[in-house]
């Protein structure tokens, strides 16, 4: 088991490491936008070793995402768990990374403003 790490919500490098943990698409497949890797990473989650499982390396909490998210209530509940599934004293509970971290920034040659 890995040692806890500090909660640094304003570190873009930490955010990108959390997003990179989702590189095995078989473990986090076909999730709606509210559960996208950048959104999960904004709230301190990394992809776990098992399918549909998120882990927090600050409080060591685990969150198993429901496999069926067709029901709006199930999707809303899963989205809420991104914020509330941490341990009670985890800094991520009230301190997500900025929303701008979840935005895709493209170079000017791809249509973004310079």
Foldseek 3Di string as FASTA:
>chain_A
DDAADDDDQADLVQLVVQLVLCVPCVQPDDDDPLPHSSNLSQLQWHRDPHRQKTAHSHQGFIDRQDPDPPDVVSVVVSSVCSQVRGPPPGPSNPGGHDPVSSDDDDPVVVPHDD
